[in-house]
Structure formats: C-alpha cells, structure tokens
C-alpha atoms as a PDB file:
ATOM      1  CA  MET A   1     -28.839  60.514  29.820  1.00  0.00           C
ATOM      2  CA  THR A   2     -27.466  63.536  31.614  1.00  0.00           C
ATOM      3  CA  ASP A   3     -29.422  65.862  33.862  1.00  0.00           C
ATOM      4  CA  GLN A   4     -29.281  68.481  31.111  1.00  0.00           C
ATOM      5  CA  ASP A   5     -30.788  66.004  28.616  1.00  0.00           C
ATOM      6  CA  LYS A   6     -33.590  65.246  31.081  1.00  0.00           C
ATOM      7  CA  THR A   7     -34.237  68.953  31.559  1.00  0.00           C
ATOM      8  CA  ASP A   8     -34.329  69.587  27.823  1.00  0.00           C
ATOM      9  CA  THR A   9     -36.756  66.708  27.288  1.00  0.00           C
ATOM     10  CA  SER A  10     -38.983  67.572  30.246  1.00  0.00           C
ATOM     11  CA  ASN A  11     -39.407  71.176  29.083  1.00  0.00           C
ATOM     12  CA  ASP A  12     -41.425  69.832  26.146  1.00  0.00           C
ATOM     13  CA  LEU A  13     -43.825  67.957  28.452  1.00  0.00           C
ATOM     14  CA  SER A  14     -46.766  69.192  30.498  1.00  0.00           C
ATOM     15  CA  VAL A  15     -46.506  69.091  34.278  1.00  0.00           C
ATOM     16  CA  VAL A  16     -48.761  66.021  34.356  1.00  0.00           C
ATOM     17  CA  ASP A  17     -46.627  64.243  31.757  1.00  0.00           C
ATOM     18  CA  ARG A  18     -43.453  65.086  33.696  1.00  0.00           C
ATOM     19  CA  VAL A  19     -44.937  63.629  36.888  1.00  0.00           C
ATOM     20  CA  LEU A  20     -46.129  60.492  35.095  1.00  0.00           C
ATOM     21  CA  THR A  21     -42.749  60.117  33.363  1.00  0.00           C
ATOM     22  CA  GLU A  22     -40.924  60.340  36.694  1.00  0.00           C
ATOM     23  CA  PHE A  23     -43.299  57.752  38.178  1.00  0.00           C
ATOM     24  CA  ILE A  24     -42.785  55.385  35.245  1.00  0.00           C
ATOM     25  CA  ASN A  25     -39.005  55.867  35.481  1.00  0.00           C
ATOM     26  CA  ALA A  26     -39.128  55.052  39.202  1.00  0.00           C
ATOM     27  CA  VAL A  27     -41.089  51.881  38.462  1.00  0.00           C
ATOM     28  CA  ALA A  28     -38.532  50.940  35.784  1.00  0.00           C
ATOM     29  CA  ALA A  29     -35.678  51.385  38.268  1.00  0.00           C
ATOM     30  CA  GLU A  30     -37.044  48.619  40.487  1.00  0.00           C
ATOM     31  CA  ASP A  31     -35.851  45.077  39.827  1.00  0.00           C
ATOM     32  CA  GLY A  32     -38.399  43.032  37.912  1.00  0.00           C
ATOM     33  CA  TYR A  33     -40.635  45.931  36.919  1.00  0.00           C
ATOM     34  CA  SER A  34     -39.214  46.896  33.527  1.00  0.00           C
ATOM     35  CA  GLU A  35     -42.042  45.209  31.605  1.00  0.00           C
ATOM     36  CA  ILE A  36     -44.673  46.949  33.723  1.00  0.00           C
ATOM     37  CA  SER A  37     -43.031  50.317  33.205  1.00  0.00           C
ATOM     38  CA  ALA A  38     -42.904  49.739  29.442  1.00  0.00           C
ATOM     39  CA  ARG A  39     -46.620  48.868  29.414  1.00  0.00           C
ATOM     40  CA  LEU A  40     -47.432  51.919  31.574  1.00  0.00           C
ATOM     41  CA  LYS A  41     -45.473  54.192  29.243  1.00  0.00           C
ATOM     42  CA  ASP A  42     -47.291  52.772  26.230  1.00  0.00           C
ATOM     43  CA  ALA A  43     -50.757  53.056  27.780  1.00  0.00           C
ATOM     44  CA  ILE A  44     -50.436  56.363  29.599  1.00  0.00           C
ATOM     45  CA  LEU A  45     -47.923  58.483  27.717  1.00  0.00           C
ATOM     46  CA  GLU A  46     -48.216  57.182  24.174  1.00  0.00           C
ATOM     47  CA  LYS A  47     -51.801  55.964  23.741  1.00  0.00           C
ATOM     48  CA  ARG A  48     -53.211  58.310  26.437  1.00  0.00           C
ATOM     49  CA  GLU A  49     -55.461  55.537  27.788  1.00  0.00           C
ATOM     50  CA  PHE A  50     -56.532  56.205  31.353  1.00  0.00           C
ATOM     51  CA  ASN A  51     -59.467  53.806  31.643  1.00  0.00           C
ATOM     52  CA  GLU A  52     -59.581  50.917  34.089  1.00  0.00           C
ATOM     53  CA  ALA A  53     -59.091  48.203  31.455  1.00  0.00           C
ATOM     54  CA  ALA A  54     -55.999  49.887  29.982  1.00  0.00           C
ATOM     55  CA  LEU A  55     -54.413  50.416  33.385  1.00  0.00           C
ATOM     56  CA  GLU A  56     -55.161  46.829  34.397  1.00  0.00           C
ATOM     57  CA  ARG A  57     -53.469  45.577  31.215  1.00  0.00           C
ATOM     58  CA  ALA A  58     -50.489  47.820  31.888  1.00  0.00           C
ATOM     59  CA  LEU A  59     -50.095  46.813  35.521  1.00  0.00           C
ATOM     60  CA  PHE A  60     -50.937  43.126  35.346  1.00  0.00           C
ATOM     61  CA  GLY A  61     -50.385  42.270  31.680  1.00  0.00           C
ATOM     62  CA  VAL A  62     -53.782  40.608  31.321  1.00  0.00           C
ATOM     63  CA  GLU A  63     -56.975  41.383  29.465  1.00  0.00           C
ATOM     64  CA  GLN A  64     -60.008  42.286  31.549  1.00  0.00           C
ATOM     65  CA  GLN A  65     -62.714  39.644  31.351  1.00  0.00           C
END
C-alpha cells in the first residue's frame, strides 16, 4: 500500500478511526502480535465493541469468566 493509498483510505475515516487504525497497524508491525491486531480490528473497527469484555477478548484471546 502506498502513502497515497493510505491517504485516500484515511480520508473516509473519522479522526478517532484513523488514530485507532494507526494504533492497530503499529501493533500488527510487532513480531508475534498479528493475531492480537486482527482481533482488535474486528472488535474496535468492525463490530464497534468498546466494552471491557470485548477488549479483553481482543487483547488476550480469552472469554471473560
């Protein structure tokens, strides 16, 4: 993805979504964190779940008991 592609895509997002997307991309860039970033993207950007249980599932991959 080129910088122009990123700019075109980010123009469609709110400021909050752009910040969260950059954070998730930074997490994905770290070795061993690709699964966490995928779960964060699903929970935060796609499902729009911001509750504690959803974030715990995204970060740790476990169900809250």
